[in-house]
Amino acid sequence: MSVLEEIKIAFIGPGVMAEAMISGLIRNNIIEADALHASGPRLERVEQLQARYGLHPFTDNAAAARRADVVVLSVKPQMLDRVLEELRGSILPGALVLSIVAGAPIKKISQGLDHSIIIRSMPNTPAQIGEGITVWTASTSVTDGQREIASQILGALGESIYVKEESYLDMATALSGTGPAYVFLFMEAMVDAGVHLGFPRRIAQQLVAQTVRGSVDYFEKRDDPVHLARLRNQVTSPGGTSAEALYYLEKAGFRTAISRAIWAAFERSRELGEGAESHRPDSN
């Protein structure tokens, strides 16, 4: 029996990640649609979710939260302060608040809501197809039962990793939360190179996608744990094509660029947590 039996969940912010959670929960028979509520400023969006999944639509965040045992905060970081103000005083005393808001620390959410039962998590984009990975942590007020509830909810998105230290969440935001963007950019560059060589784009995309997928599967399905450098060495013959290509990647500072990009994402996550405003194009 699911620990979500007789639990009601309100999603505050009916965006892509919220829909991924809703879809996963229903698809995996973890909870009934009648126990789900979704609230957002656009009536057409929540009605779209109602038509698609059978949940209850709201445009009043506080009204949705008052009906829930679990309140999922799934708004953009820039909207969090306003949403916390709207919800303050509307969370049931024993309700669990589960945040997927990038960069928002537990302390900020707790103070904004005047509520101490908080779980902070960081999922990533593949969660939309149930293949994501989420890093999460909990405040000291969260019970063991509520941790199990959170585990089942986050499990609808794919794999999850619980950590005791909240500092790991900003690291996860930079590494796995933002990670798909790095992978897609790398794949895009490979596809463009394939087109430049003379492949039709559809063939280049197929070759790149299967190369990435197969490489990950080969790494994960080996019986013996192995360092990635060893696998790279296995496909790098002395004086061969891989050696030549890797030489140019190293010369171009490929590793340094990746490392600096992840560090920049980490710092931006901490800035968002501190409430720093930015008008940079990448601030979303």
Protein backbone atom coordinates (compact mmCIF):
# COMPACT_ATOMS: atom_id res chain seq x y z
CA MET A 1 0.00 0.00 0.00
CA SER A 2 1.30 3.46 -0.89
CA VAL A 3 2.13 5.77 2.01
CA LEU A 4 0.25 8.38 0.02
CA GLU A 5 -3.05 6.67 0.78
CA GLU A 6 -5.50 9.39 1.93
CA ILE A 7 -2.82 12.07 1.43
CA LYS A 8 -3.76 15.21 -0.51
CA ILE A 9 -1.09 17.11 -2.44
CA ALA A 10 -1.19 20.72 -3.68
CA PHE A 11 1.21 21.86 -6.39
CA ILE A 12 1.86 25.58 -6.16
CA GLY A 13 3.14 26.48 -9.60
CA PRO A 14 1.69 24.26 -12.37
CA GLY A 15 4.75 24.27 -14.64
CA VAL A 16 6.65 21.56 -16.48
CA MET A 17 8.24 19.94 -13.42
CA ALA A 18 4.98 19.98 -11.48
CA GLU A 19 3.28 18.24 -14.39
CA ALA A 20 6.10 15.69 -14.52
CA MET A 21 5.45 14.85 -10.86
CA ILE A 22 1.68 14.73 -11.37
CA SER A 23 2.04 12.51 -14.43
CA GLY A 24 4.48 10.16 -12.69
CA LEU A 25 2.36 9.82 -9.57
CA ILE A 26 -0.73 8.91 -11.58
CA ARG A 27 1.10 6.75 -14.16
CA ASN A 28 2.71 4.68 -11.43
CA ASN A 29 -0.55 4.34 -9.47
CA ILE A 30 1.00 6.03 -6.45
CA ILE A 31 -1.94 8.36 -5.84
CA GLU A 32 -5.40 9.04 -7.22
CA ALA A 33 -5.95 12.14 -9.33
CA ASP A 34 -8.76 13.24 -7.00
CA ALA A 35 -6.15 13.77 -4.26
CA LEU A 36 -4.16 16.25 -6.36
CA HIS A 37 -4.56 20.03 -6.57
CA ALA A 38 -2.73 22.41 -8.87
CA SER A 39 -2.67 26.18 -8.43
CA GLY A 40 -1.34 28.95 -10.63
CA PRO A 41 -2.21 32.43 -11.89
CA ARG A 42 -3.42 31.26 -15.32
CA LEU A 43 -6.82 29.56 -15.25
CA GLU A 44 -6.33 28.02 -18.70
CA ARG A 45 -3.18 26.21 -17.52
CA VAL A 46 -4.70 24.60 -14.42
CA GLU A 47 -7.81 23.69 -16.39
CA GLN A 48 -5.54 22.06 -18.97
CA LEU A 49 -4.06 19.92 -16.18
CA GLN A 50 -7.55 19.14 -14.94
CA ALA A 51 -8.60 17.93 -18.38
CA ARG A 52 -5.41 15.91 -18.80
CA TYR A 53 -5.20 14.27 -15.37
CA GLY A 54 -8.48 14.82 -13.52
CA LEU A 55 -7.01 16.89 -10.67
CA HIS A 56 -8.56 19.92 -8.94
CA PRO A 57 -7.61 23.32 -10.45
CA PHE A 58 -7.07 26.51 -8.44
CA THR A 59 -5.97 30.07 -9.10
CA ASP A 60 -5.82 30.83 -5.37
CA ASN A 61 -2.61 29.42 -3.91
CA ALA A 62 -3.70 29.75 -0.31
CA ALA A 63 -7.00 27.95 -0.96
CA ALA A 64 -5.18 25.04 -2.58
CA ALA A 65 -2.65 24.82 0.26
CA ARG A 66 -5.34 24.73 2.93
CA ARG A 67 -6.65 21.48 1.43
CA ALA A 68 -3.29 19.68 1.35
CA ASP A 69 -1.21 17.41 3.57
CA VAL A 70 1.73 18.02 1.23
CA VAL A 71 2.38 21.37 -0.45
CA VAL A 72 4.82 21.22 -3.37
CA LEU A 73 6.50 24.53 -4.17
CA SER A 74 7.24 24.41 -7.89
CA VAL A 75 7.48 28.08 -8.85
CA LYS A 76 10.36 29.98 -10.45
CA PRO A 77 12.94 31.33 -7.96
CA GLN A 78 12.07 34.90 -8.90
CA MET A 79 8.43 34.29 -7.85
CA LEU A 80 9.17 32.61 -4.53
CA ASP A 81 9.01 35.63 -2.21
CA ARG A 82 5.56 36.62 -3.43
CA VAL A 83 4.27 33.05 -3.25
CA LEU A 84 5.58 32.54 0.28
CA GLU A 85 3.77 35.71 1.34
CA GLU A 86 0.55 34.42 -0.23
CA LEU A 87 0.85 31.07 1.52
CA ARG A 88 1.89 32.33 4.96
CA GLY A 89 -0.72 31.20 7.49
CA SER A 90 -2.43 28.85 5.02
CA ILE A 91 -0.26 25.75 5.47
CA LEU A 92 -1.82 23.18 7.80
CA PRO A 93 0.21 22.85 11.04
CA GLY A 94 1.33 19.28 10.34
CA ALA A 95 1.63 19.59 6.56
CA LEU A 96 4.83 18.82 4.69
CA VAL A 97 6.22 21.48 2.35
CA LEU A 98 8.31 20.02 -0.47
CA SER A 99 10.26 22.55 -2.50
CA ILE A 100 11.80 22.03 -5.93
CA VAL A 101 12.71 25.73 -6.24
CA ALA A 102 16.31 26.11 -7.37
CA GLY A 103 18.58 27.85 -4.88
CA ALA A 104 15.94 28.40 -2.19
CA PRO A 105 17.28 27.29 1.21
CA ILE A 106 15.13 25.67 3.88
CA LYS A 107 15.64 28.65 6.22
CA LYS A 108 14.21 31.10 3.65
CA ILE A 109 11.16 28.92 3.00
CA SER A 110 10.58 28.25 6.69
CA GLN A 111 10.77 31.93 7.63
CA GLY A 112 8.61 32.97 4.68
CA LEU A 113 5.87 30.51 5.59
CA ASP A 114 6.35 30.55 9.39
CA HIS A 115 6.42 26.76 9.07
CA SER A 116 9.20 24.33 9.95
CA ILE A 117 8.35 21.05 8.19
CA ILE A 118 10.33 21.54 4.96
CA ILE A 119 11.97 19.30 2.40
CA ARG A 120 14.23 20.88 -0.20
CA SER A 121 14.94 19.00 -3.42
CA MET A 122 16.65 19.48 -6.78
CA PRO A 123 15.31 17.38 -9.69
CA ASN A 124 16.44 17.66 -13.31
CA THR A 125 14.86 17.77 -16.77
CA PRO A 126 14.80 13.99 -17.54
CA ALA A 127 12.29 13.77 -14.67
CA GLN A 128 9.71 14.69 -17.31
CA ILE A 129 9.97 11.14 -18.66
CA GLY A 130 10.60 9.47 -15.30
CA GLU A 131 14.37 9.26 -15.91
CA GLY A 132 15.55 12.10 -13.71
CA ILE A 133 17.61 12.15 -10.56
CA THR A 134 16.71 14.25 -7.53
CA VAL A 135 18.89 15.21 -4.58
CA TRP A 136 16.94 16.11 -1.45
CA THR A 137 17.26 16.90 2.24
CA ALA A 138 14.91 17.59 5.14
CA SER A 139 14.57 19.94 8.09
CA THR A 140 14.76 18.46 11.58
CA SER A 141 10.98 18.80 11.97
CA VAL A 142 10.25 16.32 9.16
CA THR A 143 9.14 12.94 10.52
CA ASP A 144 10.26 9.55 9.22
CA GLY A 145 6.80 9.04 7.77
CA GLN A 146 6.98 12.34 5.91
CA ARG A 147 10.40 11.41 4.56
CA GLU A 148 8.85 8.26 3.13
CA ILE A 149 6.07 10.35 1.59
CA ALA A 150 8.65 12.64 -0.01
CA SER A 151 10.61 9.64 -1.26
CA GLN A 152 7.53 8.26 -3.05
CA ILE A 153 6.65 11.63 -4.57
CA LEU A 154 10.19 12.23 -5.81
CA GLY A 155 10.41 8.62 -6.97
CA ALA A 156 7.79 9.47 -9.58
CA LEU A 157 10.50 11.53 -11.29
CA GLY A 158 13.14 8.78 -11.39
CA GLU A 159 15.99 8.11 -8.98
CA SER A 160 16.52 10.10 -5.79
CA ILE A 161 19.39 10.61 -3.35
CA TYR A 162 18.87 11.78 0.23
CA VAL A 163 21.66 13.87 1.77
CA LYS A 164 21.99 15.11 5.34
CA GLU A 165 23.79 18.35 4.50
CA GLU A 166 21.77 21.06 2.75
CA SER A 167 24.96 22.45 1.20
CA TYR A 168 24.86 19.53 -1.23
CA LEU A 169 21.71 20.96 -2.83
CA ASP A 170 23.48 23.91 -4.44
CA MET A 171 26.14 21.49 -5.66
CA ALA A 172 23.44 19.23 -7.11
CA THR A 173 21.81 22.22 -8.80
CA ALA A 174 25.07 22.93 -10.62
CA LEU A 175 25.96 19.32 -11.43
CA SER A 176 22.78 17.32 -12.06
CA GLY A 177 20.08 20.01 -12.06
CA THR A 178 21.81 22.06 -14.76
CA GLY A 179 23.65 19.03 -16.14
CA PRO A 180 21.26 18.20 -18.99
CA ALA A 181 22.01 21.61 -20.52
CA TYR A 182 25.71 20.71 -20.72
CA VAL A 183 24.89 17.34 -22.27
CA PHE A 184 22.53 18.86 -24.84
CA LEU A 185 25.11 21.48 -25.82
CA PHE A 186 27.76 18.78 -26.22
CA MET A 187 25.36 16.69 -28.33
CA GLU A 188 24.41 19.72 -30.41
CA ALA A 189 28.10 20.42 -31.13
CA MET A 190 28.65 16.80 -32.16
CA VAL A 191 25.62 16.84 -34.45
CA ASP A 192 26.72 20.10 -36.07
CA ALA A 193 30.17 18.60 -36.62
CA GLY A 194 28.56 15.56 -38.23
CA VAL A 195 26.57 17.79 -40.58
CA HIS A 196 29.77 19.67 -41.40
CA LEU A 197 31.38 16.35 -42.32
CA GLY A 198 28.53 15.64 -44.71
CA PHE A 199 25.92 13.61 -42.80
CA PRO A 200 22.24 14.52 -43.12
CA ARG A 201 21.19 16.06 -39.80
CA ARG A 202 18.75 13.25 -38.96
CA ILE A 203 21.51 10.65 -39.31
CA ALA A 204 23.96 12.76 -37.32
CA GLN A 205 21.38 13.13 -34.54
CA GLN A 206 20.71 9.38 -34.49
CA LEU A 207 24.43 8.59 -34.36
CA VAL A 208 25.09 11.07 -31.55
CA ALA A 209 22.04 10.12 -29.45
CA GLN A 210 22.84 6.40 -29.58
CA THR A 211 26.53 7.05 -28.94
CA VAL A 212 25.72 8.98 -25.76
CA ARG A 213 23.06 6.50 -24.66
CA GLY A 214 25.25 3.48 -25.36
CA SER A 215 28.26 5.01 -23.61
CA VAL A 216 26.25 5.66 -20.45
CA ASP A 217 24.78 2.15 -20.51
CA TYR A 218 28.23 0.64 -21.05
CA PHE A 219 29.54 2.55 -18.03
CA GLU A 220 26.61 1.66 -15.76
CA LYS A 221 26.14 -1.99 -16.69
CA ARG A 222 29.69 -3.18 -16.17
CA ASP A 223 30.09 -5.79 -13.44
CA ASP A 224 33.27 -4.16 -12.14
CA PRO A 225 33.22 -0.54 -10.92
CA VAL A 226 35.63 1.39 -13.10
CA HIS A 227 36.97 4.93 -13.34
CA LEU A 228 35.77 6.82 -16.41
CA ALA A 229 39.37 7.51 -17.40
CA ARG A 230 39.91 3.77 -17.83
CA LEU A 231 37.00 3.50 -20.24
CA ARG A 232 38.28 6.49 -22.18
CA ASN A 233 41.71 4.87 -22.42
CA GLN A 234 40.13 1.69 -23.77
CA VAL A 235 38.92 3.55 -26.86
CA THR A 236 42.06 5.64 -27.30
CA SER A 237 44.65 3.83 -29.39
CA PRO A 238 48.13 5.38 -29.56
CA GLY A 239 48.32 7.64 -32.60
CA GLY A 240 44.70 6.89 -33.50
CA THR A 241 41.65 9.02 -34.23
CA SER A 242 40.47 9.21 -30.59
CA ALA A 243 43.92 10.30 -29.43
CA GLU A 244 43.98 13.05 -32.05
CA ALA A 245 40.49 14.27 -31.14
CA LEU A 246 41.17 14.22 -27.40
CA TYR A 247 44.41 16.13 -27.91
CA TYR A 248 42.46 19.02 -29.45
CA LEU A 249 39.77 18.92 -26.76
CA GLU A 250 42.40 19.14 -24.04
CA LYS A 251 44.27 21.87 -25.93
CA ALA A 252 41.05 23.86 -26.19
CA GLY A 253 40.53 23.65 -22.42
CA PHE A 254 37.52 21.34 -22.56
CA ARG A 255 37.84 20.11 -18.96
CA THR A 256 38.48 23.59 -17.61
CA ALA A 257 35.47 25.03 -19.45
CA ILE A 258 33.17 22.33 -18.02
CA SER A 259 34.55 22.79 -14.52
CA ARG A 260 34.20 26.58 -14.65
CA ALA A 261 30.66 26.33 -16.05
CA ILE A 262 29.57 24.05 -13.20
CA TRP A 263 31.20 26.35 -10.65
CA ALA A 264 29.40 29.35 -12.17
CA ALA A 265 26.08 27.49 -11.89
CA PHE A 266 26.90 26.65 -8.27
CA GLU A 267 27.58 30.29 -7.43
CA ARG A 268 24.40 31.38 -9.20
CA SER A 269 22.40 28.86 -7.18
CA ARG A 270 23.76 30.38 -3.98
CA GLU A 271 22.97 33.87 -5.26
CA LEU A 272 19.37 32.85 -5.88
CA GLY A 273 19.20 31.49 -2.35
CA GLU A 274 20.38 34.82 -0.99
CA GLY A 275 17.75 36.65 -3.03
CA ALA A 276 20.17 38.27 -5.45
CA GLU A 277 18.49 39.87 -8.42
CA SER A 278 19.93 39.65 -11.90
CA HIS A 279 18.90 40.69 -15.37
CA ARG A 280 21.42 38.43 -17.08
CA PRO A 281 19.97 36.26 -19.89
CA ASP A 282 20.91 33.09 -17.98
CA SER A 283 19.27 34.13 -14.71
CA ASN A 284 16.24 31.91 -15.35
